[in-house]
Amino acid sequence: MRQRRHAGLLRRGARIGAVAGLALALAAIGGKPAAAAGGPTDSITRPCRIEGMPNELQCGSIKRPLNPAAPDGTQIDIHFLVVPAMARNKQPEPVLMLAGGPGQSAMAVAPIVMSRLARLNNRRDIVFIDQRGTGKSAPLQCADERDLPTPEALDAKAQLKRLETCRQDLAKLPHGDLRFYSTTIAMQDFEAVRVALGAPQWNLVGASYGTRAALEYLRLFPAQVRRTVLDGVAPPDMVLPASFSTDGQAALDAALLACEKDAICAEQFPRLRQQWAALLQSTPRTISVRHPLTGQAESFSLSREMLLRSVRLPLYSPALAAALPAAIAAASAGQFEGLMGLSSVIAGGKSSRLAMGMHFSVVCAEDVPRLAQSSDRAGADFGQADALLYAQVCQQWPRAEIAPAFYSMPATRSPVLLLSGGADPATPPRHGERAAKALAAANAKLVQHVVVPEAGHGVMGVGCMRELLFRFIDAKTDALALPLDAACVIKIPRPGAFLPVQTSQGKQS
């Protein structure tokens, strides 16, 4: 019988809070982007070392006005990292990596992402910019929640209180005017960095929310973009809190269906769907578990919302989702350690922590005001809990002014490669399809949308996708960049269900 050990499962990913998994517009450049610019890379950067990166790198920063309309007002530092090309005869157009979230530090994820961009780095600089509000760029960090007790971390009411305290604390910072942390203003910062680096153009690689940022940069500065890769597409017209329920429900239903269609999984867990429905019906209920990180015994009331959040994170990765059948079956027998473990696995260092102040500044300005216009239907299980939570937080959260043009996706002038995972609970193919259609309006040959049916959130690291990414950006001409033959990746199967190992006493481990 097929068996897969669960070793290491509780040590991967990040603890989810009440808003985790998200993943995921003033037109002109404000301030004085040329003031910090005008020289080659070595005139504005200094040698530096980054944990997790073996070679010496280049770090730099430029000054930017917090409020683009007040160029002489409060200034903030936009920090960036350059991973120099290995070859001396490098290509002039760097690769710019746009991080997800919103709220993720691009510099923090550099050690993880570089393995996927290593071949491109032979002849191209790779640039990581900490978007304003993240990392070292005027950070808007709330208190770290990774070590909170499980019930407190998963409780929406408790998180509302923490976020209100965070909002009040952020407002006291010199850079704490939260109205100036929109995607559009941030992309104006990125353009100022390009000018400062002296790059004629660059190649954009965006992941999750980073795809929204890339699309906005492409809209504002189309002539400065050579190629664009969008991995897990979150277009500007996507109403995040509403789509979160719709897409999460679709991914959960697909995971349950996959077990029913797999002979071994169906034999091992013949009543999985009924067990899941019964679990939902049983809430609220008091459960006792050991904290998956500290080992401390915890007893608390498990709400419906907590239970739903316990299955959301594993859905992002098919390898983790493979453990859901066993975890759900065990929970139906009163053993919740599996579900709580999947929802509370250890964070992968700084890269997994979102700047929640920046996160809500973006979502409250760009998404929540459009909730009433959303056509997304709430998932049967997930309902409107997340949309209501965001709406509550955003009632008091200061908002940037968003130009109507922000929500448009003009036809592209340069090649765009879109990547989607069919099992993605946050940015499934339907969003990529919408973006691809808009971008290809003028020239369909400039756009390709690759869907990997059984992949989750993020496709760049799957199978041969790194090679395809290299071919796309390395191609000498636009005509040679697309189309790509993606047959090597689209047939990758969904991982089979994890089957607990039976001990000699007949217990599962």
Protein backbone atom coordinates (compact mmCIF):
# COMPACT_ATOMS: atom_id res chain seq x y z
CA MET A 1 0.00 0.00 0.00
CA ARG A 2 1.23 3.49 -0.84
CA GLN A 3 2.38 5.38 2.25
CA ARG A 4 3.88 8.82 2.75
CA ARG A 5 5.47 9.92 6.00
CA HIS A 6 4.50 13.22 7.48
CA ALA A 7 8.04 14.08 8.60
CA GLY A 8 8.69 17.78 8.44
CA LEU A 9 5.09 18.70 7.63
CA LEU A 10 4.71 20.73 10.81
CA ARG A 11 7.88 22.66 10.02
CA ARG A 12 6.90 24.18 6.67
CA GLY A 13 5.07 27.34 5.67
CA ALA A 14 3.75 29.99 8.04
CA ARG A 15 1.23 30.34 10.87
CA ILE A 16 -2.02 31.72 9.53
CA GLY A 17 -3.93 34.44 11.29
CA ALA A 18 -7.40 35.64 10.52
CA VAL A 19 -6.28 37.21 7.26
CA ALA A 20 -3.41 34.95 6.17
CA GLY A 21 -3.05 33.49 2.70
CA LEU A 22 -3.45 36.78 0.84
CA ALA A 23 -1.31 35.86 -0.57
CA LEU A 24 -2.83 38.94 -2.29
CA ALA A 25 -3.17 55.03 -8.14
CA LEU A 26 -2.01 58.39 -8.93
CA ALA A 27 -0.90 58.38 -12.53
CA ALA A 28 2.21 60.54 -12.68
CA ILE A 29 5.49 60.05 -10.82
CA GLY A 30 5.43 62.28 -7.78
CA GLY A 31 8.37 64.01 -6.17
CA LYS A 32 11.78 64.16 -7.78
CA PRO A 33 12.79 60.72 -9.08
CA ALA A 34 15.79 62.13 -10.87
CA ALA A 35 17.18 63.72 -7.71
CA ALA A 36 18.48 60.41 -6.42
CA ALA A 37 19.26 59.15 -9.88
CA GLY A 38 21.60 59.86 -12.71
CA GLY A 39 24.51 57.52 -12.12
CA PRO A 40 25.53 53.91 -12.76
CA THR A 41 24.78 51.18 -10.28
CA ASP A 42 28.08 51.43 -8.40
CA SER A 43 27.49 55.11 -7.63
CA ILE A 44 24.34 54.50 -5.55
CA THR A 45 25.00 51.06 -4.09
CA ARG A 46 27.44 49.59 -1.60
CA PRO A 47 28.73 46.06 -1.08
CA CYS A 48 26.59 44.07 1.35
CA ARG A 49 25.86 40.60 2.61
CA ILE A 50 22.40 39.02 2.97
CA GLU A 51 21.70 36.00 5.15
CA GLY A 52 21.16 32.97 2.95
CA MET A 53 23.11 34.41 -0.01
CA PRO A 54 26.69 33.13 -0.46
CA ASN A 55 28.15 35.96 -2.57
CA GLU A 56 28.73 39.64 -1.99
CA LEU A 57 25.82 41.72 -3.25
CA GLN A 58 25.02 45.40 -3.79
CA CYS A 59 22.57 47.27 -1.55
CA GLY A 60 21.23 50.76 -2.05
CA SER A 61 18.45 53.19 -1.32
CA ILE A 62 16.91 56.35 -2.73
CA LYS A 63 14.90 59.12 -1.12
CA ARG A 64 11.25 59.44 -2.08
CA PRO A 65 8.51 61.77 -0.88
CA LEU A 66 5.92 60.05 1.30
CA ASN A 67 3.27 62.18 -0.43
CA PRO A 68 4.00 62.52 -4.17
CA ALA A 69 2.06 65.79 -4.22
CA ALA A 70 4.41 67.25 -1.59
CA PRO A 71 7.90 66.57 -2.98
CA ASP A 72 9.56 68.68 -0.29
CA GLY A 73 7.63 67.09 2.56
CA THR A 74 8.36 63.94 4.58
CA GLN A 75 10.89 61.71 2.83
CA ILE A 76 11.23 57.94 3.06
CA ASP A 77 14.04 55.62 2.02
CA ILE A 78 13.27 52.98 -0.60
CA HIS A 79 15.76 50.16 -0.14
CA PHE A 80 16.78 47.69 -2.81
CA LEU A 81 19.14 44.80 -3.41
CA VAL A 82 21.06 44.03 -6.60
CA VAL A 83 22.39 40.54 -7.24
CA PRO A 84 25.08 41.29 -9.84
CA ALA A 85 25.28 39.23 -13.00
CA MET A 86 27.96 36.55 -12.87
CA ALA A 87 29.32 37.26 -16.36
CA ARG A 88 31.26 40.40 -17.21
CA ASN A 89 29.47 40.92 -20.52
CA LYS A 90 26.07 41.17 -18.90
CA GLN A 91 22.83 42.18 -20.58
CA PRO A 92 21.71 45.75 -19.85
CA GLU A 93 18.12 44.95 -18.78
CA PRO A 94 17.93 43.58 -15.22
CA VAL A 95 15.25 41.27 -13.87
CA LEU A 96 13.05 42.93 -11.25
CA MET A 97 11.34 40.61 -8.76
CA LEU A 98 8.04 41.94 -7.34
CA ALA A 99 7.03 40.28 -4.08
CA GLY A 100 3.60 39.11 -2.96
CA GLY A 101 1.32 39.72 -0.03
CA PRO A 102 0.61 42.58 -0.22
CA GLY A 103 3.11 43.18 2.55
CA GLN A 104 6.01 40.86 1.74
CA SER A 105 9.60 42.12 1.72
CA ALA A 106 11.24 41.44 -1.65
CA MET A 107 14.71 41.55 -0.11
CA ALA A 108 13.68 38.97 2.48
CA VAL A 109 12.53 36.48 -0.16
CA ALA A 110 15.64 36.94 -2.31
CA PRO A 111 17.48 33.87 -0.92
CA ILE A 112 14.44 31.70 -1.71
CA VAL A 113 13.70 33.11 -5.14
CA MET A 114 17.27 33.19 -6.45
CA SER A 115 17.34 29.43 -7.01
CA ARG A 116 14.62 29.92 -9.62
CA LEU A 117 16.44 32.82 -11.27
CA ALA A 118 19.99 31.46 -11.07
CA ARG A 119 20.40 30.86 -14.79
CA LEU A 120 19.07 34.30 -15.65
CA ASN A 121 21.58 35.73 -13.16
CA ASN A 122 24.47 34.52 -15.32
CA ARG A 123 24.11 37.55 -17.58
CA ARG A 124 21.52 39.75 -15.88
CA ASP A 125 21.40 41.61 -12.61
CA ILE A 126 18.49 40.55 -10.40
CA VAL A 127 16.90 43.42 -8.46
CA PHE A 128 14.72 43.20 -5.34
CA ILE A 129 13.02 46.38 -4.11
CA ASP A 130 11.36 46.55 -0.70
CA GLN A 131 8.07 48.20 -1.63
CA ARG A 132 7.17 51.16 0.58
CA GLY A 133 5.64 49.82 3.79
CA THR A 134 7.64 46.58 3.71
CA GLY A 135 11.06 45.34 4.77
CA LYS A 136 13.45 48.27 5.20
CA SER A 137 11.36 50.78 3.21
CA ALA A 138 9.30 52.76 5.76
CA PRO A 139 7.99 49.48 7.24
CA LEU A 140 4.43 49.23 8.51
CA GLN A 141 4.80 46.19 10.74
CA CYS A 142 2.25 45.06 13.31
CA ALA A 143 3.19 42.91 16.30
CA ASP A 144 4.56 39.49 15.39
CA GLU A 145 1.78 36.89 15.72
CA ARG A 146 3.76 33.76 14.98
CA ASP A 147 4.14 32.72 18.62
CA LEU A 148 0.58 33.45 19.71
CA PRO A 149 -1.45 30.63 21.24
CA THR A 150 -3.45 28.82 18.56
CA PRO A 151 -6.91 30.04 19.63
CA GLU A 152 -5.77 33.65 19.78
CA ALA A 153 -4.01 33.45 16.41
CA LEU A 154 -7.09 32.02 14.69
CA ASP A 155 -9.70 34.16 16.43
CA ALA A 156 -11.05 36.96 14.22
CA LYS A 157 -12.27 39.14 17.10
CA ALA A 158 -8.88 39.00 18.77
CA GLN A 159 -7.19 39.95 15.52
CA LEU A 160 -9.53 42.91 15.05
CA LYS A 161 -8.37 44.26 18.39
CA ARG A 162 -4.71 43.70 17.51
CA LEU A 163 -5.12 45.44 14.16
CA GLU A 164 -6.83 48.46 15.70
CA THR A 165 -3.95 48.78 18.16
CA CYS A 166 -1.50 48.42 15.27
CA ARG A 167 -3.26 51.14 13.24
CA GLN A 168 -3.04 53.56 16.13
CA ASP A 169 0.64 52.76 16.68
CA LEU A 170 1.49 53.14 12.98
CA ALA A 171 -0.15 56.56 12.85
CA LYS A 172 2.47 57.80 15.33
CA LEU A 173 5.38 56.95 13.02
CA PRO A 174 7.07 59.71 10.97
CA HIS A 175 5.98 57.81 7.85
CA GLY A 176 2.65 56.70 9.34
CA ASP A 177 0.23 58.48 7.00
CA LEU A 178 -1.36 55.30 5.60
CA ARG A 179 -2.96 57.15 2.67
CA PHE A 180 0.30 56.98 0.72
CA TYR A 181 0.90 53.24 0.43
CA SER A 182 -1.02 52.36 -2.73
CA THR A 183 0.29 50.14 -5.52
CA THR A 184 0.43 53.07 -7.93
CA ILE A 185 2.60 55.25 -5.69
CA ALA A 186 4.85 52.26 -5.02
CA MET A 187 5.35 51.67 -8.74
CA GLN A 188 6.38 55.30 -9.10
CA ASP A 189 9.08 54.51 -6.53
CA PHE A 190 10.14 51.50 -8.58
CA GLU A 191 10.49 53.63 -11.70
CA ALA A 192 12.68 56.03 -9.72
CA VAL A 193 14.91 53.09 -8.76
CA ARG A 194 15.19 52.07 -12.43
CA VAL A 195 16.30 55.57 -13.36
CA ALA A 196 18.75 55.63 -10.47
CA LEU A 197 20.26 52.31 -11.57
CA GLY A 198 20.59 53.55 -15.13
CA ALA A 199 18.74 50.55 -16.58
CA PRO A 200 17.19 51.29 -20.01
CA GLN A 201 14.41 48.76 -19.34
CA TRP A 202 13.86 45.78 -17.12
CA ASN A 203 12.16 42.43 -17.11
CA LEU A 204 9.36 42.13 -14.55
CA VAL A 205 8.74 38.93 -12.59
CA GLY A 206 5.74 39.25 -10.26
CA ALA A 207 4.29 36.65 -7.90
CA SER A 208 0.79 36.78 -6.38
CA TYR A 209 0.17 40.42 -5.36
CA GLY A 210 3.42 41.14 -7.19
CA THR A 211 1.53 40.46 -10.42
CA ARG A 212 -0.88 43.31 -9.61
CA ALA A 213 2.12 45.54 -8.97
CA ALA A 214 3.73 44.42 -12.24
CA LEU A 215 0.52 45.11 -14.18
CA GLU A 216 0.36 48.60 -12.69
CA TYR A 217 3.98 49.28 -13.57
CA LEU A 218 3.29 47.99 -17.08
CA ARG A 219 0.29 50.32 -17.34
CA LEU A 220 2.20 53.38 -16.12
CA PHE A 221 5.54 52.77 -17.82
CA PRO A 222 5.05 50.42 -20.80
CA ALA A 223 8.15 51.65 -22.65
CA GLN A 224 10.37 50.69 -19.71
CA VAL A 225 9.30 47.01 -19.74
CA ARG A 226 11.05 44.43 -21.93
CA ARG A 227 9.34 41.20 -20.74
CA THR A 228 6.82 40.38 -18.00
CA VAL A 229 6.17 37.17 -16.06
CA LEU A 230 3.01 37.00 -13.92
CA ASP A 231 2.91 33.99 -11.58
CA GLY A 232 -0.43 33.52 -9.77
CA VAL A 233 -2.25 36.42 -11.40
CA ALA A 234 -4.04 38.89 -9.10
CA PRO A 235 -5.29 41.56 -11.55
CA PRO A 236 -6.42 44.99 -10.31
CA ASP A 237 -10.09 44.24 -10.96
CA MET A 238 -9.95 41.26 -8.58
CA VAL A 239 -11.88 42.12 -5.40
CA LEU A 240 -9.66 40.29 -2.97
CA PRO A 241 -11.87 39.61 0.08
CA ALA A 242 -14.77 38.40 -2.09
CA SER A 243 -12.70 36.24 -4.45
CA PHE A 244 -10.91 34.73 -1.46
CA SER A 245 -14.08 32.87 -0.47
CA THR A 246 -15.01 31.84 -4.02
CA ASP A 247 -11.58 30.54 -4.93
CA GLY A 248 -10.89 28.93 -1.55
CA GLN A 249 -14.14 26.98 -1.81
CA ALA A 250 -13.31 25.78 -5.32
CA ALA A 251 -9.90 24.55 -4.17
CA LEU A 252 -11.34 22.75 -1.14
CA ASP A 253 -14.05 21.08 -3.25
CA ALA A 254 -11.38 19.99 -5.75
CA ALA A 255 -9.26 18.48 -2.98
CA LEU A 256 -12.21 16.48 -1.63
CA LEU A 257 -13.12 15.35 -5.15
CA ALA A 258 -9.53 14.31 -5.87
CA CYS A 259 -9.67 11.94 -2.88
CA GLU A 260 -12.96 10.46 -4.09
CA LYS A 261 -11.46 9.81 -7.54
CA ASP A 262 -8.28 8.23 -6.16
CA ALA A 263 -8.91 4.54 -5.41
CA ILE A 264 -6.49 4.35 -2.49
CA CYS A 265 -7.61 7.62 -0.90
CA ALA A 266 -11.28 6.74 -1.36
CA GLU A 267 -10.70 3.35 0.27
CA GLN A 268 -8.83 4.85 3.22
CA PHE A 269 -11.23 7.80 3.71
CA PRO A 270 -14.59 6.64 2.28
CA ARG A 271 -16.66 9.22 4.21
CA LEU A 272 -14.36 12.22 3.86
CA ARG A 273 -16.93 14.70 2.54
CA GLN A 274 -19.47 13.67 5.19
CA GLN A 275 -16.80 13.93 7.89
CA TRP A 276 -15.92 17.45 6.77
CA ALA A 277 -19.57 18.53 6.76
CA ALA A 278 -20.06 17.04 10.22
CA LEU A 279 -17.00 18.89 11.51
CA LEU A 280 -18.43 22.20 10.33
CA GLN A 281 -21.78 21.39 11.89
CA SER A 282 -20.12 20.51 15.21
CA THR A 283 -18.72 24.00 15.75
CA PRO A 284 -18.41 25.71 18.08
CA ARG A 285 -16.88 22.97 20.19
CA THR A 286 -14.20 22.72 22.85
CA ILE A 287 -11.06 20.89 21.75
CA SER A 288 -7.78 20.05 23.43
CA VAL A 289 -4.56 19.90 21.42
CA ARG A 290 -0.85 20.36 21.86
CA HIS A 291 0.52 23.50 20.24
CA PRO A 292 2.34 22.30 17.08
CA LEU A 293 5.34 24.56 17.74
CA THR A 294 5.71 24.71 21.53
CA GLY A 295 4.15 21.37 22.48
CA GLN A 296 2.12 23.10 25.19
CA ALA A 297 -1.34 21.68 25.88
CA GLU A 298 -4.13 24.04 24.81
CA SER A 299 -7.88 23.85 25.32
CA PHE A 300 -10.20 26.28 23.56
CA SER A 301 -13.50 26.71 21.76
CA LEU A 302 -13.09 25.96 18.05
CA SER A 303 -15.35 28.17 15.94
CA ARG A 304 -16.46 27.55 12.38
CA GLU A 305 -14.16 30.32 11.18
CA MET A 306 -11.17 28.80 12.99
CA LEU A 307 -11.87 25.41 11.43
CA LEU A 308 -12.10 26.90 7.95
CA ARG A 309 -8.84 28.76 8.42
CA SER A 310 -7.16 25.54 9.49
CA VAL A 311 -7.70 24.06 6.02
CA ARG A 312 -6.90 27.18 3.99
CA LEU A 313 -3.11 27.26 4.21
CA PRO A 314 -2.55 23.65 3.12
CA LEU A 315 -4.63 24.30 0.01
CA TYR A 316 -1.92 26.67 -1.25
CA SER A 317 0.42 23.73 -1.75
CA PRO A 318 -0.79 20.40 -3.21
CA ALA A 319 1.92 18.64 -1.18
CA LEU A 320 0.37 19.99 2.03
CA ALA A 321 -3.19 19.51 0.78
CA ALA A 322 -2.37 15.83 0.37
CA ALA A 323 -2.43 15.59 4.17
CA LEU A 324 -5.91 17.11 4.51
CA PRO A 325 -7.89 13.85 4.11
CA ALA A 326 -5.99 12.23 6.99
CA ALA A 327 -6.22 15.40 9.10
CA ILE A 328 -9.97 15.76 8.52
CA ALA A 329 -10.60 12.09 9.26
CA ALA A 330 -8.57 12.32 12.47
CA ALA A 331 -10.40 15.50 13.53
CA SER A 332 -13.73 13.78 13.04
CA ALA A 333 -12.52 11.28 15.66
CA GLY A 334 -11.59 14.12 18.02
CA GLN A 335 -7.89 14.34 17.16
CA PHE A 336 -7.25 17.90 15.91
CA GLU A 337 -3.44 18.00 16.05
CA GLY A 338 -3.18 17.36 12.30
CA LEU A 339 -5.44 20.24 11.27
CA MET A 340 -3.95 22.61 13.82
CA GLY A 341 -0.47 21.60 12.72
CA LEU A 342 -1.19 22.23 9.06
CA SER A 343 -2.50 25.68 9.90
CA SER A 344 0.36 26.58 12.25
CA VAL A 345 3.55 25.31 10.67
CA ILE A 346 6.74 27.18 11.47
CA ALA A 347 7.40 30.34 9.46
CA GLY A 348 10.30 30.19 7.06
CA GLY A 349 12.10 33.12 8.67
CA LYS A 350 11.61 36.77 7.79
CA SER A 351 10.36 35.99 4.28
CA SER A 352 7.00 34.69 5.48
CA ARG A 353 6.06 37.65 7.69
CA LEU A 354 3.80 40.24 6.09
CA ALA A 355 3.84 43.93 6.97
CA MET A 356 0.16 43.97 7.91
CA GLY A 357 0.02 47.77 8.01
CA MET A 358 1.00 47.90 4.35
CA HIS A 359 -1.28 44.95 3.58
CA PHE A 360 -4.38 46.71 4.84
CA SER A 361 -3.36 50.05 3.40
CA VAL A 362 -3.41 48.45 -0.06
CA VAL A 363 -6.47 46.23 0.32
CA CYS A 364 -8.58 48.85 2.13
CA ALA A 365 -7.91 51.34 -0.67
CA GLU A 366 -7.99 49.13 -3.76
CA ASP A 367 -10.32 46.21 -2.99
CA VAL A 368 -12.73 46.74 -0.10
CA PRO A 369 -14.47 49.82 -1.59
CA ARG A 370 -15.50 47.61 -4.53
CA LEU A 371 -16.97 44.75 -2.49
CA ALA A 372 -20.53 45.73 -3.39
CA GLN A 373 -19.63 45.56 -7.09
CA SER A 374 -18.10 42.10 -6.95
CA SER A 375 -19.81 39.34 -8.91
CA ASP A 376 -18.02 36.61 -6.94
CA ARG A 377 -20.37 34.34 -5.03
CA ALA A 378 -19.40 33.40 -1.49
CA GLY A 379 -18.29 29.80 -1.06
CA ALA A 380 -20.81 27.44 0.55
CA ASP A 381 -18.42 26.71 3.43
CA PHE A 382 -16.25 29.82 3.58
CA GLY A 383 -19.14 32.29 3.30
CA GLN A 384 -18.50 36.00 3.83
CA ALA A 385 -16.43 35.85 7.01
CA ASP A 386 -13.27 37.22 5.41
CA ALA A 387 -15.06 39.96 3.49
CA LEU A 388 -16.78 41.06 6.70
CA LEU A 389 -13.50 41.02 8.60
CA TYR A 390 -11.77 43.20 6.02
CA ALA A 391 -14.75 45.54 5.89
CA GLN A 392 -14.59 45.97 9.66
CA VAL A 393 -10.84 46.64 9.68
CA CYS A 394 -11.12 49.08 6.78
CA GLN A 395 -13.83 51.20 8.41
CA GLN A 396 -11.19 53.13 10.32
CA TRP A 397 -8.20 52.52 8.05
CA PRO A 398 -6.98 55.59 6.09
CA ARG A 399 -7.24 55.09 2.32
CA ALA A 400 -5.31 56.28 -0.68
CA GLU A 401 -7.15 57.84 -3.59
CA ILE A 402 -7.30 55.31 -6.42
CA ALA A 403 -7.62 56.51 -10.00
CA PRO A 404 -10.29 54.66 -12.06
CA ALA A 405 -7.61 53.80 -14.64
CA PHE A 406 -5.87 51.63 -12.06
CA TYR A 407 -8.49 48.92 -12.60
CA SER A 408 -7.84 48.72 -16.35
CA MET A 409 -5.33 46.49 -18.10
CA PRO A 410 -4.29 48.13 -21.39
CA ALA A 411 -3.06 45.97 -24.25
CA THR A 412 0.62 45.15 -23.83
CA ARG A 413 3.38 46.38 -26.12
CA SER A 414 5.84 43.71 -24.95
CA PRO A 415 5.65 39.93 -24.37
CA VAL A 416 3.82 38.74 -21.24
CA LEU A 417 3.90 35.20 -19.83
CA LEU A 418 1.11 34.38 -17.36
CA LEU A 419 1.29 31.33 -15.08
CA SER A 420 -1.59 29.78 -13.13
CA GLY A 421 -2.02 26.74 -10.92
CA GLY A 422 -5.31 24.93 -11.41
CA ALA A 423 -5.46 24.01 -7.71
CA ASP A 424 -4.62 27.52 -6.47
CA PRO A 425 -7.06 28.70 -3.75
CA ALA A 426 -6.10 32.38 -4.13
CA THR A 427 -5.27 33.18 -7.76
CA PRO A 428 -6.67 30.35 -9.91
CA PRO A 429 -6.67 30.42 -13.73
CA ARG A 430 -9.89 32.43 -14.06
CA HIS A 431 -8.04 35.57 -13.03
CA GLY A 432 -5.15 34.86 -15.39
CA GLU A 433 -7.56 34.27 -18.25
CA ARG A 434 -9.16 37.67 -17.70
CA ALA A 435 -5.80 39.42 -17.62
CA ALA A 436 -4.50 37.54 -20.66
CA LYS A 437 -7.53 38.56 -22.71
CA ALA A 438 -7.06 42.23 -21.88
CA LEU A 439 -3.31 42.23 -22.47
CA ALA A 440 -3.66 40.43 -25.82
CA ALA A 441 -6.31 42.83 -27.20
CA ALA A 442 -3.90 44.44 -29.68
CA ASN A 443 -1.58 41.52 -30.44
CA ALA A 444 -2.35 37.97 -29.29
CA LYS A 445 1.17 36.84 -30.21
CA LEU A 446 2.59 38.86 -27.32
CA VAL A 447 0.69 36.93 -24.61
CA GLN A 448 0.71 33.32 -23.41
CA HIS A 449 -1.14 31.88 -20.43
CA VAL A 450 0.27 28.60 -19.11
CA VAL A 451 -2.00 26.66 -16.73
CA VAL A 452 -0.57 23.80 -14.68
CA PRO A 453 -3.80 21.99 -13.70
CA GLU A 454 -2.57 20.35 -10.48
CA ALA A 455 -0.25 23.11 -9.25
CA GLY A 456 -1.06 25.38 -6.32
CA HIS A 457 -0.19 28.99 -5.55
CA GLY A 458 3.00 29.75 -7.44
CA VAL A 459 4.16 27.89 -10.54
CA MET A 460 7.67 29.24 -11.17
CA GLY A 461 9.31 26.52 -9.10
CA VAL A 462 7.33 23.61 -10.56
CA GLY A 463 9.09 21.09 -12.81
CA CYS A 464 10.71 22.61 -15.90
CA MET A 465 9.17 26.06 -15.38
CA ARG A 466 12.54 27.58 -14.46
CA GLU A 467 13.87 26.61 -17.87
CA LEU A 468 10.81 28.06 -19.61
CA LEU A 469 11.20 31.26 -17.63
CA PHE A 470 14.81 31.53 -18.74
CA ARG A 471 13.94 30.94 -22.40
CA PHE A 472 11.24 33.57 -22.31
CA ILE A 473 13.40 36.33 -20.87
CA ASP A 474 16.62 35.32 -22.64
CA ALA A 475 15.05 35.24 -26.13
CA LYS A 476 16.75 37.81 -28.35
CA THR A 477 13.56 39.05 -30.00
CA ASP A 478 9.90 39.31 -29.05
CA ALA A 479 9.05 36.93 -31.88
CA LEU A 480 11.29 34.25 -30.35
CA ALA A 481 10.03 34.75 -26.80
CA LEU A 482 6.56 33.26 -27.40
CA PRO A 483 4.96 30.82 -27.73
CA LEU A 484 6.66 28.44 -25.31
CA ASP A 485 6.18 24.67 -25.41
CA ALA A 486 4.93 23.99 -21.87
CA ALA A 487 4.18 20.28 -22.32
CA CYS A 488 6.93 19.44 -19.81
CA VAL A 489 5.00 21.02 -16.95
CA ILE A 490 1.28 20.93 -17.61
CA LYS A 491 0.97 17.17 -17.08
CA ILE A 492 2.48 17.09 -13.58
CA PRO A 493 -0.02 15.11 -11.43
CA ARG A 494 -1.52 16.04 -8.08
CA PRO A 495 0.37 14.39 -5.17
CA GLY A 496 -1.38 11.31 -3.84
CA ALA A 497 -3.03 11.46 -0.43
CA PHE A 498 -0.83 11.12 2.63
CA LEU A 499 -1.56 7.84 4.40
CA PRO A 500 -0.64 7.69 8.09
CA VAL A 501 1.84 5.01 9.08
CA GLN A 502 0.31 2.37 11.33
CA THR A 503 2.33 1.51 14.45
CA SER A 504 2.54 -1.99 15.86
CA GLN A 505 -0.27 -1.07 18.29
CA GLY A 506 -2.49 -0.08 15.39
CA LYS A 507 -2.26 3.64 16.07
CA GLN A 508 -1.56 6.24 13.44
CA SER A 509 1.63 8.29 13.44
